[in-house]
Amino acid sequence: MKHLLIILSLFLFSFTVISCAKKDITSSSSTTTDNTTTTSSGLFVAVGDNGIILTSSDASTWDNRSYETPSRLRAVNHANSTFMTVGYTDEIILSSSDGISWDSIRSGTGNLRGVAYGNNKFVVVGLSGHISTSSDGTSWDNRTSGTSTVLYGVNYVNNQFVAVGGQGTILTSSDGISWDSRTISGQTFSLYHVTHGNNKFVAVGVNGWIVTSSDGISWYNESSGTTNILTQITYGNGTFVVTGRVGTILTSTDGTSWDNRTSGTTEHLYGLTYGNSKFVATGYSGTILTSTDGISWDNKTSGTTKTLYAVTYKE
């Protein structure tokens, strides 16, 4: 009987140890540690010269997904489960479902500079006031813009398309088909991009020019504090961020008062997006910068010296 009790005690002790070990292993596998690499389901995609396409889940490590084209890819967007990028040199539109494999879906559409998605359609803009729309990203229809001025950028913000371009051109449309020209109070320069945040439209362009609007119809000049060319604007985390030539970065919470930030580079910055709780800027010679607040910026290695003109993020 004594021997039986000893054997039974040993068995219960072994079972307890094994059970605890299993519990520890399970807990460890579901807990992130400093030595564990986690990845987001989101994806950053940057595009630029000679068909360069880079992808990254964290904006720190980038993979080359380049498409064989001499085209200068000037804009990229993700919407409706599709990445769409447009080319300036050989008039190309590329699409991808995953950001990795890309297909040429149209060429000969004119030199394109911007792409947006809203109200169940894609809109692309470019030289000579070119505007085309597509409900599926494959079949495209040319639209009448009412201008022959180059359109540098388009965005779908606050339930309407807004296109901006040369000589202070601003066009708005609720459906991407019929467009109205808007006027700006005061001096005008070329505008490159537009966004919406904090109940305000904000567009940026040449000579440090910034204009704002509460309704997208009437636009007014603001003081940026710089004469550098401003190329891109986005809104995230309660902050407007603007990129520009010679490493220019501006931030504002209201779109009216602007602060000049130190980017750590003198390279021209062209692309900008906000995703995964960070701002990502791209530019000349493969420059990629990231920031969580728009104020302090870190330089990342892109693996290319080609100019990156645009970047977007997919959740």
C-alpha atoms as a PDB file:
ATOM      1  CA  MET A   1       0.000   0.000   0.000  1.00  0.00           C
ATOM      2  CA  LYS A   2       2.861   2.346   0.868  1.00  0.00           C
ATOM      3  CA  HIS A   3       4.514   1.689  -2.494  1.00  0.00           C
ATOM      4  CA  LEU A   4       1.210   2.308  -4.284  1.00  0.00           C
ATOM      5  CA  LEU A   5       0.823   5.725  -2.619  1.00  0.00           C
ATOM      6  CA  ILE A   6       4.371   6.704  -3.626  1.00  0.00           C
ATOM      7  CA  ILE A   7       3.754   5.725  -7.259  1.00  0.00           C
ATOM      8  CA  LEU A   8       0.441   7.607  -7.284  1.00  0.00           C
ATOM      9  CA  SER A   9       2.106  10.754  -5.860  1.00  0.00           C
ATOM     10  CA  LEU A  10       4.823  10.648  -8.511  1.00  0.00           C
ATOM     11  CA  PHE A  11       2.213  10.328 -11.248  1.00  0.00           C
ATOM     12  CA  LEU A  12       0.224  13.318  -9.993  1.00  0.00           C
ATOM     13  CA  PHE A  13       3.406  15.438  -9.736  1.00  0.00           C
ATOM     14  CA  SER A  14       4.436  14.555 -13.305  1.00  0.00           C
ATOM     15  CA  PHE A  15       0.968  15.388 -14.617  1.00  0.00           C
ATOM     16  CA  THR A  16       1.025  18.775 -12.868  1.00  0.00           C
ATOM     17  CA  VAL A  17       4.435  19.649 -14.340  1.00  0.00           C
ATOM     18  CA  ILE A  18       3.398  18.639 -17.837  1.00  0.00           C
ATOM     19  CA  SER A  19       0.158  20.629 -17.550  1.00  0.00           C
ATOM     20  CA  CYS A  20       2.004  23.729 -16.393  1.00  0.00           C
ATOM     21  CA  ALA A  21       4.540  23.360 -19.192  1.00  0.00           C
ATOM     22  CA  LYS A  22       1.772  23.153 -21.773  1.00  0.00           C
ATOM     23  CA  LYS A  23       0.129  26.249 -20.351  1.00  0.00           C
ATOM     24  CA  ASP A  24       3.399  28.188 -20.478  1.00  0.00           C
ATOM     25  CA  ILE A  25       4.034  27.202 -24.113  1.00  0.00           C
ATOM     26  CA  THR A  26       0.549  28.263 -25.169  1.00  0.00           C
ATOM     27  CA  SER A  27       0.878  31.585 -23.383  1.00  0.00           C
ATOM     28  CA  SER A  28       4.280  32.243 -24.932  1.00  0.00           C
ATOM     29  CA  SER A  29       3.110  31.575 -28.485  1.00  0.00           C
ATOM     30  CA  SER A  30       0.297  34.106 -28.241  1.00  0.00           C
ATOM     31  CA  THR A  31       2.327  36.864 -26.627  1.00  0.00           C
ATOM     32  CA  THR A  32       4.427  39.344 -28.583  1.00  0.00           C
ATOM     33  CA  THR A  33       7.929  39.803 -27.197  1.00  0.00           C
ATOM     34  CA  ASP A  34      10.763  42.140 -28.168  1.00  0.00           C
ATOM     35  CA  ASN A  35      12.292  39.332 -30.234  1.00  0.00           C
ATOM     36  CA  THR A  36       9.089  38.514 -32.117  1.00  0.00           C
ATOM     37  CA  THR A  37       8.372  40.131 -35.486  1.00  0.00           C
ATOM     38  CA  THR A  38       4.733  40.989 -36.088  1.00  0.00           C
ATOM     39  CA  THR A  39       3.270  42.108 -39.398  1.00  0.00           C
ATOM     40  CA  SER A  40       0.246  44.214 -40.181  1.00  0.00           C
ATOM     41  CA  SER A  41      -2.387  43.104 -42.665  1.00  0.00           C
ATOM     42  CA  GLY A  42      -2.029  46.530 -44.286  1.00  0.00           C
ATOM     43  CA  LEU A  43       0.303  47.364 -47.153  1.00  0.00           C
ATOM     44  CA  PHE A  44       2.148  50.492 -48.282  1.00  0.00           C
ATOM     45  CA  VAL A  45       2.789  50.817 -52.037  1.00  0.00           C
ATOM     46  CA  ALA A  46       5.191  53.405 -53.475  1.00  0.00           C
ATOM     47  CA  VAL A  47       5.661  54.092 -57.210  1.00  0.00           C
ATOM     48  CA  GLY A  48       7.978  56.188 -59.353  1.00  0.00           C
ATOM     49  CA  ASP A  49      10.435  56.379 -62.257  1.00  0.00           C
ATOM     50  CA  ASN A  50      10.797  53.588 -64.838  1.00  0.00           C
ATOM     51  CA  GLY A  51       7.970  51.504 -63.430  1.00  0.00           C
ATOM     52  CA  ILE A  52       9.487  51.244 -59.943  1.00  0.00           C
ATOM     53  CA  ILE A  53       6.985  49.760 -57.462  1.00  0.00           C
ATOM     54  CA  LEU A  54       7.862  49.074 -53.826  1.00  0.00           C
ATOM     55  CA  THR A  55       5.725  47.422 -51.149  1.00  0.00           C
ATOM     56  CA  SER A  56       6.003  47.265 -47.369  1.00  0.00           C
ATOM     57  CA  SER A  57       3.833  46.146 -44.479  1.00  0.00           C
ATOM     58  CA  ASP A  58       5.578  48.429 -41.971  1.00  0.00           C
ATOM     59  CA  ALA A  59       7.093  51.265 -44.088  1.00  0.00           C
ATOM     60  CA  SER A  60      10.553  50.239 -42.837  1.00  0.00           C
ATOM     61  CA  THR A  61      11.450  47.222 -44.971  1.00  0.00           C
ATOM     62  CA  TRP A  62      10.589  47.503 -48.666  1.00  0.00           C
ATOM     63  CA  ASP A  63      10.326  44.919 -51.465  1.00  0.00           C
ATOM     64  CA  ASN A  64      10.766  45.676 -55.164  1.00  0.00           C
ATOM     65  CA  ARG A  65       7.723  44.760 -57.315  1.00  0.00           C
ATOM     66  CA  SER A  66       8.677  46.808 -60.382  1.00  0.00           C
ATOM     67  CA  TYR A  67       6.679  46.621 -63.593  1.00  0.00           C
ATOM     68  CA  GLU A  68       8.641  46.566 -66.854  1.00  0.00           C
ATOM     69  CA  THR A  69       7.750  49.928 -68.323  1.00  0.00           C
ATOM     70  CA  PRO A  70       9.726  53.090 -69.057  1.00  0.00           C
ATOM     71  CA  SER A  71       6.812  55.069 -67.667  1.00  0.00           C
ATOM     72  CA  ARG A  72       7.161  57.517 -64.824  1.00  0.00           C
ATOM     73  CA  LEU A  73       4.442  56.390 -62.414  1.00  0.00           C
ATOM     74  CA  ARG A  74       3.088  59.605 -60.910  1.00  0.00           C
ATOM     75  CA  ALA A  75       0.176  58.575 -58.678  1.00  0.00           C
ATOM     76  CA  VAL A  76      -1.151  55.506 -56.869  1.00  0.00           C
ATOM     77  CA  ASN A  77      -4.328  54.785 -54.945  1.00  0.00           C
ATOM     78  CA  HIS A  78      -6.057  51.850 -53.291  1.00  0.00           C
ATOM     79  CA  ALA A  79      -9.821  51.505 -53.303  1.00  0.00           C
ATOM     80  CA  ASN A  80     -12.485  48.957 -54.174  1.00  0.00           C
ATOM     81  CA  SER A  81      -9.987  46.127 -53.441  1.00  0.00           C
ATOM     82  CA  THR A  82      -7.705  47.437 -56.195  1.00  0.00           C
ATOM     83  CA  PHE A  83      -4.401  49.281 -56.379  1.00  0.00           C
ATOM     84  CA  MET A  84      -4.337  51.679 -59.329  1.00  0.00           C
ATOM     85  CA  THR A  85      -1.301  53.602 -60.581  1.00  0.00           C
ATOM     86  CA  VAL A  86      -1.017  55.917 -63.584  1.00  0.00           C
ATOM     87  CA  GLY A  87       1.937  56.750 -65.807  1.00  0.00           C
ATOM     88  CA  TYR A  88       3.179  59.989 -67.260  1.00  0.00           C
ATOM     89  CA  THR A  89       5.617  58.916 -69.976  1.00  0.00           C
ATOM     90  CA  ASP A  90       3.908  56.153 -71.943  1.00  0.00           C
ATOM     91  CA  GLU A  91       0.342  56.926 -70.866  1.00  0.00           C
ATOM     92  CA  ILE A  92      -0.216  53.766 -68.857  1.00  0.00           C
ATOM     93  CA  ILE A  93      -2.654  52.595 -66.170  1.00  0.00           C
ATOM     94  CA  LEU A  94      -1.651  49.600 -64.039  1.00  0.00           C
ATOM     95  CA  SER A  95      -3.827  47.705 -61.575  1.00  0.00           C
ATOM     96  CA  SER A  96      -3.197  45.083 -58.912  1.00  0.00           C
ATOM     97  CA  SER A  97      -5.266  43.208 -56.359  1.00  0.00           C
ATOM     98  CA  ASP A  98      -2.349  42.634 -53.979  1.00  0.00           C
ATOM     99  CA  GLY A  99       0.274  45.282 -54.810  1.00  0.00           C
ATOM    100  CA  ILE A 100       2.680  42.556 -55.932  1.00  0.00           C
ATOM    101  CA  SER A 101       1.519  41.427 -59.379  1.00  0.00           C
ATOM    102  CA  TRP A 102       0.524  44.217 -61.757  1.00  0.00           C
ATOM    103  CA  ASP A 103      -1.383  44.291 -65.043  1.00  0.00           C
ATOM    104  CA  SER A 104      -1.490  46.962 -67.740  1.00  0.00           C
ATOM    105  CA  ILE A 105      -5.165  47.733 -68.230  1.00  0.00           C
ATOM    106  CA  ARG A 106      -4.973  50.744 -70.517  1.00  0.00           C
ATOM    107  CA  SER A 107      -2.502  52.881 -72.439  1.00  0.00           C
ATOM    108  CA  GLY A 108      -2.716  55.775 -74.848  1.00  0.00           C
ATOM    109  CA  THR A 109      -4.977  57.705 -72.477  1.00  0.00           C
ATOM    110  CA  GLY A 110      -2.861  60.847 -72.377  1.00  0.00           C
ATOM    111  CA  ASN A 111      -0.153  61.796 -69.915  1.00  0.00           C
ATOM    112  CA  LEU A 112      -1.739  61.037 -66.560  1.00  0.00           C
ATOM    113  CA  ARG A 113      -0.901  62.674 -63.242  1.00  0.00           C
ATOM    114  CA  GLY A 114      -3.556  61.680 -60.683  1.00  0.00           C
ATOM    115  CA  VAL A 115      -5.981  58.909 -59.702  1.00  0.00           C
ATOM    116  CA  ALA A 116      -8.812  58.731 -57.179  1.00  0.00           C
ATOM    117  CA  TYR A 117     -11.805  56.552 -56.309  1.00  0.00           C
ATOM    118  CA  GLY A 118     -15.219  57.557 -55.016  1.00  0.00           C
ATOM    119  CA  ASN A 119     -18.948  57.215 -55.669  1.00  0.00           C
ATOM    120  CA  ASN A 120     -18.312  53.766 -57.191  1.00  0.00           C
ATOM    121  CA  LYS A 121     -15.858  54.918 -59.845  1.00  0.00           C
ATOM    122  CA  PHE A 122     -12.191  55.567 -60.560  1.00  0.00           C
ATOM    123  CA  VAL A 123     -11.171  58.990 -61.887  1.00  0.00           C
ATOM    124  CA  VAL A 124      -7.841  59.785 -63.588  1.00  0.00           C
ATOM    125  CA  VAL A 125      -6.603  63.239 -64.599  1.00  0.00           C
ATOM    126  CA  GLY A 126      -3.696  64.591 -66.632  1.00  0.00           C
ATOM    127  CA  LEU A 127      -2.413  66.954 -69.294  1.00  0.00           C
ATOM    128  CA  SER A 128      -4.696  69.287 -71.268  1.00  0.00           C
ATOM    129  CA  GLY A 129      -7.504  68.940 -68.742  1.00  0.00           C
ATOM    130  CA  HIS A 130      -7.817  65.200 -69.344  1.00  0.00           C
ATOM    131  CA  ILE A 131     -10.371  63.366 -67.171  1.00  0.00           C
ATOM    132  CA  SER A 132     -11.457  59.743 -67.582  1.00  0.00           C
ATOM    133  CA  THR A 133     -13.731  57.639 -65.392  1.00  0.00           C
ATOM    134  CA  SER A 134     -14.296  53.912 -64.935  1.00  0.00           C
ATOM    135  CA  SER A 135     -16.669  51.873 -62.785  1.00  0.00           C
ATOM    136  CA  ASP A 136     -14.568  48.703 -63.020  1.00  0.00           C
ATOM    137  CA  GLY A 137     -11.030  49.998 -63.626  1.00  0.00           C
ATOM    138  CA  THR A 138     -10.970  48.381 -67.065  1.00  0.00           C
ATOM    139  CA  SER A 139     -13.393  50.240 -69.337  1.00  0.00           C
ATOM    140  CA  TRP A 140     -12.816  54.001 -69.379  1.00  0.00           C
ATOM    141  CA  ASP A 141     -14.832  56.979 -70.608  1.00  0.00           C
ATOM    142  CA  ASN A 142     -13.421  60.415 -71.390  1.00  0.00           C
ATOM    143  CA  ARG A 143     -15.180  63.305 -69.639  1.00  0.00           C
ATOM    144  CA  THR A 144     -15.377  67.017 -70.370  1.00  0.00           C
ATOM    145  CA  SER A 145     -13.390  68.984 -67.807  1.00  0.00           C
ATOM    146  CA  GLY A 146     -14.007  72.443 -69.250  1.00  0.00           C
ATOM    147  CA  THR A 147     -10.302  73.295 -69.132  1.00  0.00           C
ATOM    148  CA  SER A 148      -7.224  72.708 -71.267  1.00  0.00           C
ATOM    149  CA  THR A 149      -4.903  73.294 -68.312  1.00  0.00           C
ATOM    150  CA  VAL A 150      -2.913  70.382 -66.921  1.00  0.00           C
ATOM    151  CA  LEU A 151      -4.571  68.668 -63.958  1.00  0.00           C
ATOM    152  CA  TYR A 152      -1.899  67.541 -61.515  1.00  0.00           C
ATOM    153  CA  GLY A 153      -3.980  65.839 -58.853  1.00  0.00           C
ATOM    154  CA  VAL A 154      -7.417  64.529 -57.928  1.00  0.00           C
ATOM    155  CA  ASN A 155      -8.893  63.293 -54.674  1.00  0.00           C
ATOM    156  CA  TYR A 156     -12.276  62.099 -53.422  1.00  0.00           C
ATOM    157  CA  VAL A 157     -12.823  63.939 -50.168  1.00  0.00           C
ATOM    158  CA  ASN A 158     -15.917  64.935 -48.195  1.00  0.00           C
ATOM    159  CA  ASN A 159     -18.189  63.146 -50.690  1.00  0.00           C
ATOM    160  CA  GLN A 160     -16.914  64.885 -53.809  1.00  0.00           C
ATOM    161  CA  PHE A 161     -14.107  64.737 -56.326  1.00  0.00           C
ATOM    162  CA  VAL A 162     -11.737  67.698 -56.327  1.00  0.00           C
ATOM    163  CA  ALA A 163      -9.183  68.099 -59.129  1.00  0.00           C
ATOM    164  CA  VAL A 164      -6.431  70.726 -59.068  1.00  0.00           C
ATOM    165  CA  GLY A 165      -3.975  71.958 -61.685  1.00  0.00           C
ATOM    166  CA  GLY A 166      -2.140  74.722 -63.470  1.00  0.00           C
ATOM    167  CA  GLN A 167      -2.904  78.416 -62.989  1.00  0.00           C
ATOM    168  CA  GLY A 168      -4.914  77.781 -59.848  1.00  0.00           C
ATOM    169  CA  THR A 169      -7.410  75.468 -61.531  1.00  0.00           C
ATOM    170  CA  ILE A 170      -9.861  73.798 -59.151  1.00  0.00           C
ATOM    171  CA  LEU A 171     -12.656  71.558 -60.416  1.00  0.00           C
ATOM    172  CA  THR A 172     -15.284  69.770 -58.327  1.00  0.00           C
ATOM    173  CA  SER A 173     -17.731  66.985 -59.122  1.00  0.00           C
ATOM    174  CA  SER A 174     -20.118  64.800 -57.141  1.00  0.00           C
ATOM    175  CA  ASP A 175     -20.078  61.977 -59.700  1.00  0.00           C
ATOM    176  CA  GLY A 176     -16.785  62.379 -61.630  1.00  0.00           C
ATOM    177  CA  ILE A 177     -18.737  63.003 -64.832  1.00  0.00           C
ATOM    178  CA  SER A 178     -19.940  66.612 -64.669  1.00  0.00           C
ATOM    179  CA  TRP A 179     -17.374  69.127 -63.412  1.00  0.00           C
ATOM    180  CA  ASP A 180     -17.629  72.695 -62.131  1.00  0.00           C
ATOM    181  CA  SER A 181     -14.813  75.251 -62.121  1.00  0.00           C
ATOM    182  CA  ARG A 182     -14.159  77.080 -58.846  1.00  0.00           C
ATOM    183  CA  THR A 183     -12.519  80.437 -58.287  1.00  0.00           C
ATOM    184  CA  ILE A 184      -9.835  81.471 -55.824  1.00  0.00           C
ATOM    185  CA  SER A 185      -9.714  84.836 -54.116  1.00  0.00           C
ATOM    186  CA  GLY A 186      -6.365  86.572 -54.713  1.00  0.00           C
ATOM    187  CA  GLN A 187      -3.196  85.541 -56.562  1.00  0.00           C
ATOM    188  CA  THR A 188      -3.075  82.120 -58.197  1.00  0.00           C
ATOM    189  CA  PHE A 189      -0.315  79.581 -58.900  1.00  0.00           C
ATOM    190  CA  SER A 190      -0.303  75.937 -59.979  1.00  0.00           C
ATOM    191  CA  LEU A 191      -1.800  73.491 -57.481  1.00  0.00           C
ATOM    192  CA  TYR A 192      -0.548  69.918 -57.127  1.00  0.00           C
ATOM    193  CA  HIS A 193      -2.746  68.169 -54.578  1.00  0.00           C
ATOM    194  CA  VAL A 194      -5.770  68.557 -52.308  1.00  0.00           C
ATOM    195  CA  THR A 195      -7.201  66.845 -49.226  1.00  0.00           C
ATOM    196  CA  HIS A 196      -9.892  67.344 -46.573  1.00  0.00           C
ATOM    197  CA  GLY A 197      -9.729  67.290 -42.781  1.00  0.00           C
ATOM    198  CA  ASN A 198     -11.036  69.123 -39.727  1.00  0.00           C
ATOM    199  CA  ASN A 199     -14.024  70.327 -41.796  1.00  0.00           C
ATOM    200  CA  LYS A 200     -11.777  72.029 -44.346  1.00  0.00           C
ATOM    201  CA  PHE A 201     -10.458  71.473 -47.883  1.00  0.00           C
ATOM    202  CA  VAL A 202      -6.755  72.306 -48.258  1.00  0.00           C
ATOM    203  CA  ALA A 203      -4.785  72.431 -51.538  1.00  0.00           C
ATOM    204  CA  VAL A 204      -1.053  73.064 -52.034  1.00  0.00           C
ATOM    205  CA  GLY A 205       1.213  74.071 -54.894  1.00  0.00           C
ATOM    206  CA  VAL A 206       3.910  76.310 -56.375  1.00  0.00           C
ATOM    207  CA  ASN A 207       5.648  79.079 -54.423  1.00  0.00           C
ATOM    208  CA  GLY A 208       4.519  77.652 -51.073  1.00  0.00           C
ATOM    209  CA  TRP A 209       0.921  78.322 -52.048  1.00  0.00           C
ATOM    210  CA  ILE A 210      -1.831  76.960 -49.788  1.00  0.00           C
ATOM    211  CA  VAL A 211      -5.555  77.580 -50.302  1.00  0.00           C
ATOM    212  CA  THR A 212      -8.456  76.458 -48.133  1.00  0.00           C
ATOM    213  CA  SER A 213     -12.207  76.108 -48.448  1.00  0.00           C
ATOM    214  CA  SER A 214     -15.023  75.157 -46.103  1.00  0.00           C
ATOM    215  CA  ASP A 215     -17.307  73.946 -48.902  1.00  0.00           C
ATOM    216  CA  GLY A 216     -15.075  73.213 -51.924  1.00  0.00           C
ATOM    217  CA  ILE A 217     -16.644  76.124 -53.791  1.00  0.00           C
ATOM    218  CA  SER A 218     -15.071  79.313 -52.430  1.00  0.00           C
ATOM    219  CA  TRP A 219     -11.299  79.192 -51.872  1.00  0.00           C
ATOM    220  CA  TYR A 220      -8.975  81.527 -49.970  1.00  0.00           C
ATOM    221  CA  ASN A 221      -5.222  82.038 -49.719  1.00  0.00           C
ATOM    222  CA  GLU A 222      -3.307  81.088 -46.577  1.00  0.00           C
ATOM    223  CA  SER A 223       0.268  81.860 -45.511  1.00  0.00           C
ATOM    224  CA  SER A 224       2.531  78.792 -45.467  1.00  0.00           C
ATOM    225  CA  GLY A 225       5.709  80.541 -44.370  1.00  0.00           C
ATOM    226  CA  THR A 226       7.714  79.157 -47.312  1.00  0.00           C
ATOM    227  CA  THR A 227       8.173  79.798 -51.022  1.00  0.00           C
ATOM    228  CA  ASN A 228       9.257  76.226 -51.761  1.00  0.00           C
ATOM    229  CA  ILE A 229       7.115  74.162 -54.115  1.00  0.00           C
ATOM    230  CA  LEU A 230       4.603  72.095 -52.130  1.00  0.00           C
ATOM    231  CA  THR A 231       3.816  68.794 -53.806  1.00  0.00           C
ATOM    232  CA  GLN A 232       1.500  66.709 -51.616  1.00  0.00           C
ATOM    233  CA  ILE A 233      -0.844  66.980 -48.637  1.00  0.00           C
ATOM    234  CA  THR A 234      -2.601  64.453 -46.418  1.00  0.00           C
ATOM    235  CA  TYR A 235      -4.560  64.458 -43.165  1.00  0.00           C
ATOM    236  CA  GLY A 236      -4.162  61.981 -40.327  1.00  0.00           C
ATOM    237  CA  ASN A 237      -4.134  61.808 -36.554  1.00  0.00           C
ATOM    238  CA  GLY A 238      -5.717  65.277 -36.380  1.00  0.00           C
ATOM    239  CA  THR A 239      -2.916  66.858 -38.398  1.00  0.00           C
ATOM    240  CA  PHE A 240      -2.411  68.170 -41.936  1.00  0.00           C
ATOM    241  CA  VAL A 241       1.044  67.278 -43.305  1.00  0.00           C
ATOM    242  CA  VAL A 242       2.539  68.762 -46.482  1.00  0.00           C
ATOM    243  CA  THR A 243       5.652  67.674 -48.394  1.00  0.00           C
ATOM    244  CA  GLY A 244       7.660  69.703 -50.888  1.00  0.00           C
ATOM    245  CA  ARG A 245      10.913  70.449 -52.645  1.00  0.00           C
ATOM    246  CA  VAL A 246      14.305  70.424 -50.832  1.00  0.00           C
ATOM    247  CA  GLY A 247      12.929  68.293 -48.006  1.00  0.00           C
ATOM    248  CA  THR A 248      10.147  70.682 -47.043  1.00  0.00           C
ATOM    249  CA  ILE A 249       7.619  69.380 -44.513  1.00  0.00           C
ATOM    250  CA  LEU A 250       4.863  71.530 -43.010  1.00  0.00           C
ATOM    251  CA  THR A 251       2.258  70.624 -40.390  1.00  0.00           C
ATOM    252  CA  SER A 252      -0.973  72.229 -39.235  1.00  0.00           C
ATOM    253  CA  THR A 253      -3.952  71.241 -37.107  1.00  0.00           C
ATOM    254  CA  ASP A 254      -6.354  73.735 -38.706  1.00  0.00           C
ATOM    255  CA  GLY A 255      -5.032  74.224 -42.262  1.00  0.00           C
ATOM    256  CA  THR A 256      -4.442  77.921 -41.591  1.00  0.00           C
ATOM    257  CA  SER A 257      -1.439  78.186 -39.235  1.00  0.00           C
ATOM    258  CA  TRP A 258       1.576  76.197 -40.445  1.00  0.00           C
ATOM    259  CA  ASP A 259       4.829  75.035 -38.849  1.00  0.00           C
ATOM    260  CA  ASN A 260       7.997  74.137 -40.767  1.00  0.00           C
ATOM    261  CA  ARG A 261       9.438  70.783 -39.636  1.00  0.00           C
ATOM    262  CA  THR A 262      12.917  69.297 -39.962  1.00  0.00           C
ATOM    263  CA  SER A 263      12.801  66.355 -42.372  1.00  0.00           C
ATOM    264  CA  GLY A 264      16.488  65.439 -42.183  1.00  0.00           C
ATOM    265  CA  THR A 265      16.860  65.550 -45.965  1.00  0.00           C
ATOM    266  CA  THR A 266      17.287  68.118 -48.721  1.00  0.00           C
ATOM    267  CA  GLU A 267      15.924  65.761 -51.380  1.00  0.00           C
ATOM    268  CA  HIS A 268      12.696  66.758 -53.112  1.00  0.00           C
ATOM    269  CA  LEU A 269       9.688  65.052 -51.517  1.00  0.00           C
ATOM    270  CA  TYR A 270       6.769  64.131 -53.771  1.00  0.00           C
ATOM    271  CA  GLY A 271       4.618  61.379 -52.244  1.00  0.00           C
ATOM    272  CA  LEU A 272       2.756  61.295 -48.927  1.00  0.00           C
ATOM    273  CA  THR A 273       0.214  59.092 -47.172  1.00  0.00           C
ATOM    274  CA  TYR A 274      -1.062  58.199 -43.708  1.00  0.00           C
ATOM    275  CA  GLY A 275      -1.664  54.623 -42.603  1.00  0.00           C
ATOM    276  CA  ASN A 276      -0.936  52.156 -39.824  1.00  0.00           C
ATOM    277  CA  SER A 277      -0.623  55.132 -37.405  1.00  0.00           C
ATOM    278  CA  LYS A 278       2.210  56.763 -39.346  1.00  0.00           C
ATOM    279  CA  PHE A 279       2.937  59.260 -42.089  1.00  0.00           C
ATOM    280  CA  VAL A 280       5.094  58.055 -44.993  1.00  0.00           C
ATOM    281  CA  ALA A 281       6.789  60.470 -47.411  1.00  0.00           C
ATOM    282  CA  THR A 282       8.664  59.525 -50.599  1.00  0.00           C
ATOM    283  CA  GLY A 283      10.843  61.429 -53.019  1.00  0.00           C
ATOM    284  CA  TYR A 284      13.974  61.908 -55.074  1.00  0.00           C
ATOM    285  CA  SER A 285      16.699  59.208 -55.141  1.00  0.00           C
ATOM    286  CA  GLY A 286      14.454  56.650 -53.464  1.00  0.00           C
ATOM    287  CA  THR A 287      13.969  58.748 -50.335  1.00  0.00           C
ATOM    288  CA  ILE A 288      11.479  57.349 -47.808  1.00  0.00           C
ATOM    289  CA  LEU A 289      10.701  59.080 -44.507  1.00  0.00           C
ATOM    290  CA  THR A 290       8.313  57.986 -41.747  1.00  0.00           C
ATOM    291  CA  SER A 291       6.784  59.784 -38.783  1.00  0.00           C
ATOM    292  CA  THR A 292       4.149  59.029 -36.156  1.00  0.00           C
ATOM    293  CA  ASP A 293       3.287  62.676 -35.543  1.00  0.00           C
ATOM    294  CA  GLY A 294       4.418  64.602 -38.646  1.00  0.00           C
ATOM    295  CA  ILE A 295       6.997  66.440 -36.558  1.00  0.00           C
ATOM    296  CA  SER A 296       9.916  64.025 -36.071  1.00  0.00           C
ATOM    297  CA  TRP A 297      10.962  62.027 -39.147  1.00  0.00           C
ATOM    298  CA  ASP A 298      13.092  58.908 -39.704  1.00  0.00           C
ATOM    299  CA  ASN A 299      14.919  58.046 -42.929  1.00  0.00           C
ATOM    300  CA  LYS A 300      14.312  54.508 -44.235  1.00  0.00           C
ATOM    301  CA  THR A 301      16.215  52.429 -46.782  1.00  0.00           C
ATOM    302  CA  SER A 302      14.182  51.905 -49.951  1.00  0.00           C
ATOM    303  CA  GLY A 303      16.689  49.834 -51.928  1.00  0.00           C
ATOM    304  CA  THR A 304      16.423  52.083 -54.991  1.00  0.00           C
ATOM    305  CA  THR A 305      17.832  55.391 -56.212  1.00  0.00           C
ATOM    306  CA  LYS A 306      14.868  56.024 -58.502  1.00  0.00           C
ATOM    307  CA  THR A 307      12.538  58.877 -57.671  1.00  0.00           C
ATOM    308  CA  LEU A 308       9.378  57.774 -55.830  1.00  0.00           C
ATOM    309  CA  TYR A 309       6.546  60.101 -56.812  1.00  0.00           C
ATOM    310  CA  ALA A 310       3.644  58.654 -54.854  1.00  0.00           C
ATOM    311  CA  VAL A 311       2.697  56.310 -52.029  1.00  0.00           C
ATOM    312  CA  THR A 312      -0.576  54.889 -50.720  1.00  0.00           C
ATOM    313  CA  TYR A 313      -1.788  52.560 -47.967  1.00  0.00           C
ATOM    314  CA  LYS A 314      -4.263  49.682 -47.893  1.00  0.00           C
ATOM    315  CA  GLU A 315      -5.822  48.724 -44.558  1.00  0.00           C
END
